[in-house]
Amino acid sequence: MLGLETYNISVPREDAPTYLENALIKARAFLGHTDGRPIIADDSGISVPALGGIPGVFSARYGSEKLGRKLSAKERNELLLESMSELRGCERRAFFVCSMVLLVDEHRFFTAQEVFEGLVAARPSGQGGFGYDPIFFVPSAGCTVSELDAGGKDRISHRGRAGRRIKAILDSLRVEP
C-alpha cells in the first residue's frame, strides 16, 4: 500500500467530526497525484459507549491533548484502560469503526462503513496487530485482536469488511460500459 510520503504529499489535517469526513480529507489529498486512478482511503477508531464514545475520531490522538505530546499506542491503551478501571461486564463494550472511501474523481465517490464489536479487556494480551488490538477482546474468538492471525483478523474486522465492500464496488466499476 502506498502512503502520502510516496507521492510527496503532506499529511492532511484530519480535523473533521466524523470518520467519513476524515476519510474524504485523506482521499482528496491524493487527488491529482494518481494519474486518474481511483483512490482508497479510510479513517478508523475505537469507541466506548460507556465513556460517551471516546476515543472515537480522536483514537490516534487520544490523550495527546491532556499530556501535551503524541502518545505511543501502548500509552493510549494504558490511558484507556485506566479510564475504564471501574467499568465491568457489558459496560466494557466497545466497537471499532472503519469508514472507507473510494474516490473515483472530484465529484464521484463511494463509501463503506463497518463496525467490529467487542469488549475492552482488563489488560493487554497478544503480540500481533497494532493500536488498540492488544486490549480489544473478541468474545466470539475468545481472544484479543492481537492474538488473532492476520487472516482471522481480516475476516472479522471493521477494516476487512469495509475493504471487501469497496472492492466489490471497484470491481463493478471495471465492468461498466
Protein backbone atom coordinates (compact mmCIF):
# COMPACT_ATOMS: atom_id res chain seq x y z
CA MET A 1 0.00 0.00 0.00
CA LEU A 2 1.30 3.44 -0.89
CA GLY A 3 1.25 6.25 1.63
CA LEU A 4 1.22 10.01 1.28
CA GLU A 5 5.01 10.13 1.55
CA THR A 6 5.26 8.02 -1.63
CA TYR A 7 3.69 10.88 -3.55
CA ASN A 8 5.49 13.64 -1.64
CA ILE A 9 2.15 14.88 -0.29
CA SER A 10 1.95 16.48 3.13
CA VAL A 11 -0.21 14.71 5.68
CA PRO A 12 -3.63 16.38 5.66
CA ARG A 13 -5.15 17.66 8.88
CA GLU A 14 -7.86 15.22 10.00
CA ASP A 15 -9.99 17.62 11.96
CA ALA A 16 -13.49 16.65 10.86
CA PRO A 17 -16.05 15.39 13.40
CA THR A 18 -16.77 12.10 11.60
CA TYR A 19 -14.81 9.14 10.28
CA LEU A 20 -16.33 9.62 6.83
CA GLU A 21 -15.30 13.26 6.56
CA ASN A 22 -11.75 12.41 7.69
CA ALA A 23 -11.53 9.60 5.12
CA LEU A 24 -12.62 12.05 2.41
CA ILE A 25 -9.97 14.55 3.56
CA LYS A 26 -7.30 11.87 3.11
CA ALA A 27 -8.63 10.68 -0.26
CA ARG A 28 -8.84 14.22 -1.63
CA ALA A 29 -5.23 14.85 -0.57
CA PHE A 30 -4.24 12.31 -3.27
CA LEU A 31 -6.44 13.81 -5.97
CA GLY A 32 -4.28 14.79 -8.93
CA HIS A 33 -1.37 12.54 -7.88
CA THR A 34 -2.52 9.15 -9.19
CA ASP A 35 -2.78 9.60 -12.97
CA GLY A 36 -6.57 9.23 -12.87
CA ARG A 37 -6.58 6.02 -10.86
CA PRO A 38 -9.20 5.69 -8.08
CA ILE A 39 -8.09 6.44 -4.55
CA ILE A 40 -8.99 4.43 -1.45
CA ALA A 41 -8.64 6.00 1.99
CA ASP A 42 -10.09 5.23 5.39
CA ASP A 43 -10.47 6.61 8.87
CA SER A 44 -10.87 4.25 11.76
CA GLY A 45 -11.07 4.32 15.51
CA ILE A 46 -12.45 2.74 18.63
CA SER A 47 -15.46 3.94 20.60
CA VAL A 48 -16.52 3.04 24.13
CA PRO A 49 -20.22 3.85 24.68
CA ALA A 50 -19.84 3.92 28.49
CA LEU A 51 -17.30 6.73 28.06
CA GLY A 52 -19.52 8.75 25.76
CA GLY A 53 -17.98 7.26 22.62
CA ILE A 54 -14.38 8.25 23.26
CA PRO A 55 -11.75 7.98 21.90
CA GLY A 56 -13.80 7.93 18.65
CA VAL A 57 -12.41 10.01 15.78
CA PHE A 58 -9.61 11.05 18.13
CA SER A 59 -8.36 7.46 18.61
CA ALA A 60 -4.92 8.11 17.10
CA ARG A 61 -4.56 11.29 19.17
CA TYR A 62 -6.24 10.04 22.35
CA GLY A 63 -4.62 11.54 25.44
CA SER A 64 -2.25 13.77 23.49
CA GLU A 65 -4.02 16.99 24.43
CA LYS A 66 -4.15 16.00 28.09
CA LEU A 67 -0.46 15.08 28.24
CA GLY A 68 0.81 17.68 25.77
CA ARG A 69 2.53 15.24 23.42
CA LYS A 70 1.80 12.44 20.98
CA LEU A 71 1.32 9.18 22.87
CA SER A 72 2.51 5.76 21.73
CA ALA A 73 -0.07 3.06 21.10
CA LYS A 74 0.92 1.42 24.38
CA GLU A 75 0.39 4.70 26.26
CA ARG A 76 -3.02 5.26 24.62
CA ASN A 77 -4.04 1.73 25.60
CA GLU A 78 -2.90 2.29 29.19
CA LEU A 79 -4.82 5.58 29.36
CA LEU A 80 -8.00 3.95 28.02
CA LEU A 81 -7.67 1.04 30.45
CA GLU A 82 -7.16 3.49 33.31
CA SER A 83 -10.26 5.47 32.34
CA MET A 84 -12.26 2.21 32.30
CA SER A 85 -10.88 0.72 35.53
CA GLU A 86 -14.24 0.95 37.33
CA LEU A 87 -16.29 -0.47 34.43
CA ARG A 88 -17.40 -4.11 34.50
CA GLY A 89 -19.12 -6.56 32.18
CA CYS A 90 -21.19 -5.02 29.39
CA GLU A 91 -20.02 -1.55 30.43
CA ARG A 92 -16.73 -2.51 28.76
CA ARG A 93 -18.49 -2.86 25.39
CA ALA A 94 -16.57 -1.18 22.58
CA PHE A 95 -16.52 -1.15 18.83
CA PHE A 96 -14.11 -0.26 16.09
CA VAL A 97 -15.41 1.82 13.17
CA CYS A 98 -13.89 1.97 9.70
CA SER A 99 -15.17 4.45 7.18
CA MET A 100 -13.61 3.74 3.79
CA VAL A 101 -13.87 5.89 0.70
CA LEU A 102 -13.31 5.03 -2.94
CA LEU A 103 -12.73 8.35 -4.71
CA VAL A 104 -13.09 7.97 -8.48
CA ASP A 105 -12.81 11.66 -9.28
CA GLU A 106 -13.55 15.02 -7.67
CA HIS A 107 -17.31 14.56 -7.78
CA ARG A 108 -17.71 10.79 -7.66
CA PHE A 109 -17.05 8.69 -4.61
CA PHE A 110 -18.38 5.60 -2.85
CA THR A 111 -18.26 4.75 0.83
CA ALA A 112 -18.49 1.76 3.12
CA GLN A 113 -18.64 1.98 6.88
CA GLU A 114 -18.37 -1.10 9.07
CA VAL A 115 -18.11 -1.79 12.79
CA PHE A 116 -16.40 -4.52 14.77
CA GLU A 117 -17.99 -5.22 18.16
CA GLY A 118 -16.15 -6.44 21.22
CA LEU A 119 -15.08 -5.57 24.75
CA VAL A 120 -12.14 -3.71 26.19
CA ALA A 121 -10.06 -6.32 28.03
CA ALA A 122 -8.81 -5.71 31.56
CA ARG A 123 -5.19 -5.81 30.33
CA PRO A 124 -3.29 -6.10 27.04
CA SER A 125 -2.71 -9.54 25.54
CA GLY A 126 -1.03 -10.76 22.36
CA GLN A 127 1.78 -9.64 20.10
CA GLY A 128 0.10 -9.10 16.73
CA GLY A 129 -1.82 -6.22 15.25
CA PHE A 130 -1.37 -2.59 16.19
CA GLY A 131 -3.05 0.28 18.01
CA TYR A 132 -5.84 -0.86 20.30
CA ASP A 133 -5.68 -4.52 19.16
CA PRO A 134 -3.99 -5.78 22.37
CA ILE A 135 -6.91 -4.56 24.52
CA PHE A 136 -9.81 -5.32 22.18
CA PHE A 137 -11.35 -8.65 23.19
CA VAL A 138 -13.46 -10.53 20.64
CA PRO A 139 -15.93 -12.76 22.54
CA SER A 140 -16.67 -14.99 19.53
CA ALA A 141 -12.95 -15.71 19.12
CA GLY A 142 -12.18 -15.88 22.84
CA CYS A 143 -9.11 -13.65 22.50
CA THR A 144 -7.91 -10.14 21.75
CA VAL A 145 -7.38 -8.98 18.18
CA SER A 146 -3.61 -9.11 18.84
CA GLU A 147 -3.94 -12.86 19.39
CA LEU A 148 -5.64 -13.48 16.02
CA ASP A 149 -3.63 -14.32 12.93
CA ALA A 150 -3.78 -11.76 10.11
CA GLY A 151 -6.31 -13.79 8.11
CA GLY A 152 -8.59 -14.23 11.11
CA LYS A 153 -8.47 -10.53 11.86
CA ASP A 154 -9.21 -9.61 8.24
CA ARG A 155 -12.25 -11.92 8.12
CA ILE A 156 -14.00 -10.30 11.09
CA SER A 157 -12.59 -6.79 11.44
CA HIS A 158 -14.20 -3.49 10.56
CA ARG A 159 -11.45 -2.65 8.06
CA GLY A 160 -11.54 -6.09 6.42
CA ARG A 161 -15.31 -5.92 5.93
CA ALA A 162 -15.23 -2.32 4.64
CA GLY A 163 -12.38 -3.25 2.29
CA ARG A 164 -14.35 -6.13 0.81
CA ARG A 165 -17.34 -3.84 0.21
CA ILE A 166 -15.14 -1.26 -1.51
CA LYS A 167 -13.51 -4.00 -3.60
CA ALA A 168 -16.96 -5.12 -4.78
CA ILE A 169 -17.77 -1.55 -5.82
CA LEU A 170 -14.41 -1.20 -7.57
CA ASP A 171 -14.96 -4.50 -9.38
CA SER A 172 -18.41 -3.33 -10.53
CA LEU A 173 -16.90 -0.13 -11.93
CA ARG A 174 -14.48 -2.15 -14.07
CA VAL A 175 -17.34 -3.91 -15.90
CA GLU A 176 -19.41 -0.80 -16.65
CA PRO A 177 -19.58 0.04 -20.40
